[in-house]
Amino acid sequence: MASNSFTIYEGDFALRLEYSKEYAIIHLPYVKKWSPSVFKLLGIKVYDTMEFVKTVGYDCLRAGVPQDNLKITKLVLMLGFEYEGSNQGYDIYRLK
């Protein structure tokens, strides 16, 4: 299944949206700085992205996290994502 992607934000962290007809999923390729202000900005960007994907017709926003990246896993859980499954070396989380 073919997908497209684009970068939503790049700075102290990168936030990328991958999408197809079936799904919308964010990726966090890196977080350079771990601080409350970065976490707050990331939360704003994630929830804005969720609003966007729901507006265009997706039922939820997913996050794909490499299975060996415990820091990003912890971060998506703190943002309210719930584990959904795994696919091709990524754990998939869902935010409704």
Protein backbone atom coordinates (compact mmCIF):
# COMPACT_ATOMS: atom_id res chain seq x y z
CA MET A 1 0.00 0.00 0.00
CA ALA A 2 1.50 3.31 -1.09
CA SER A 3 1.71 6.24 1.27
CA ASN A 4 2.87 9.84 1.23
CA SER A 5 4.46 11.91 3.96
CA PHE A 6 5.47 15.42 4.87
CA THR A 7 7.16 17.17 7.76
CA ILE A 8 4.84 19.06 10.09
CA TYR A 9 7.52 20.56 12.33
CA GLU A 10 11.28 20.54 12.59
CA GLY A 11 13.26 22.17 15.40
CA ASP A 12 14.03 20.66 18.82
CA PHE A 13 12.09 17.67 17.50
CA ALA A 14 10.81 16.49 14.14
CA LEU A 15 7.20 15.53 13.56
CA ARG A 16 6.28 13.85 10.28
CA LEU A 17 2.85 12.76 9.02
CA GLU A 18 2.56 9.68 6.83
CA TYR A 19 -0.82 9.03 5.23
CA SER A 20 -2.67 6.83 2.79
CA LYS A 21 -6.33 6.12 2.10
CA GLU A 22 -6.34 3.73 5.07
CA TYR A 23 -4.41 5.57 7.79
CA ALA A 24 -2.74 8.71 9.11
CA ILE A 25 0.32 8.09 11.28
CA ILE A 26 2.89 10.39 12.84
CA HIS A 27 6.57 9.66 13.23
CA LEU A 28 9.02 11.37 15.57
CA PRO A 29 12.39 10.81 13.87
CA TYR A 30 14.24 12.65 16.64
CA VAL A 31 13.91 14.75 19.76
CA LYS A 32 17.03 16.88 20.33
CA LYS A 33 15.97 18.47 23.58
CA TRP A 34 13.84 16.96 26.35
CA SER A 35 12.21 19.74 28.39
CA PRO A 36 8.74 20.74 29.58
CA SER A 37 8.50 23.46 26.91
CA VAL A 38 9.43 21.01 24.14
CA PHE A 39 6.88 18.50 25.47
CA LYS A 40 4.21 21.21 25.54
CA LEU A 41 4.93 22.28 21.95
CA LEU A 42 4.98 18.66 20.81
CA GLY A 43 1.60 18.10 22.48
CA ILE A 44 0.16 21.12 20.68
CA LYS A 45 1.50 19.92 17.31
CA VAL A 46 0.18 16.37 17.87
CA TYR A 47 -3.29 17.53 18.89
CA ASP A 48 -3.44 20.02 15.99
CA THR A 49 -2.48 17.16 13.68
CA MET A 50 -5.17 14.97 15.22
CA GLU A 51 -7.78 17.68 14.60
CA PHE A 52 -6.63 17.91 10.99
CA VAL A 53 -6.76 14.16 10.29
CA LYS A 54 -10.21 13.88 11.87
CA THR A 55 -11.43 16.84 9.81
CA VAL A 56 -10.33 15.15 6.59
CA GLY A 57 -12.08 11.91 7.53
CA TYR A 58 -9.74 9.60 9.44
CA ASP A 59 -11.13 8.02 12.62
CA CYS A 60 -7.94 8.53 14.66
CA LEU A 61 -4.28 9.49 14.59
CA ARG A 62 -1.66 6.80 14.95
CA ALA A 63 2.00 6.99 15.96
CA GLY A 64 4.66 4.63 14.64
CA VAL A 65 7.58 4.10 17.01
CA PRO A 66 10.62 1.90 16.29
CA GLN A 67 10.33 -1.05 18.67
CA ASP A 68 13.73 -0.35 20.22
CA ASN A 69 13.11 3.36 20.96
CA LEU A 70 12.01 3.44 24.60
CA LYS A 71 12.22 7.25 24.91
CA ILE A 72 9.79 7.89 22.05
CA THR A 73 7.56 5.07 23.34
CA LYS A 74 7.37 6.78 26.74
CA LEU A 75 6.69 10.12 25.05
CA VAL A 76 3.74 8.89 22.96
CA LEU A 77 2.25 7.21 26.02
CA MET A 78 2.56 10.49 27.95
CA LEU A 79 0.71 12.20 25.08
CA GLY A 80 -2.24 9.83 25.52
CA PHE A 81 -1.63 7.29 22.77
CA GLU A 82 -2.60 3.66 23.43
CA TYR A 83 -0.80 0.60 22.11
CA GLU A 84 -2.56 -0.96 19.10
CA GLY A 85 -0.11 -3.49 17.66
CA SER A 86 3.10 -3.77 15.67
CA ASN A 87 4.04 -3.69 12.00
CA GLN A 88 7.38 -3.99 10.22
CA GLY A 89 9.55 -3.23 13.26
CA TYR A 90 7.32 -0.44 14.59
CA ASP A 91 4.97 -0.40 17.54
CA ILE A 92 1.75 1.32 16.53
CA TYR A 93 -0.13 3.56 18.97
CA ARG A 94 -3.56 5.11 18.53
CA LEU A 95 -4.98 8.45 19.71
CA LYS A 96 -8.75 8.94 19.43
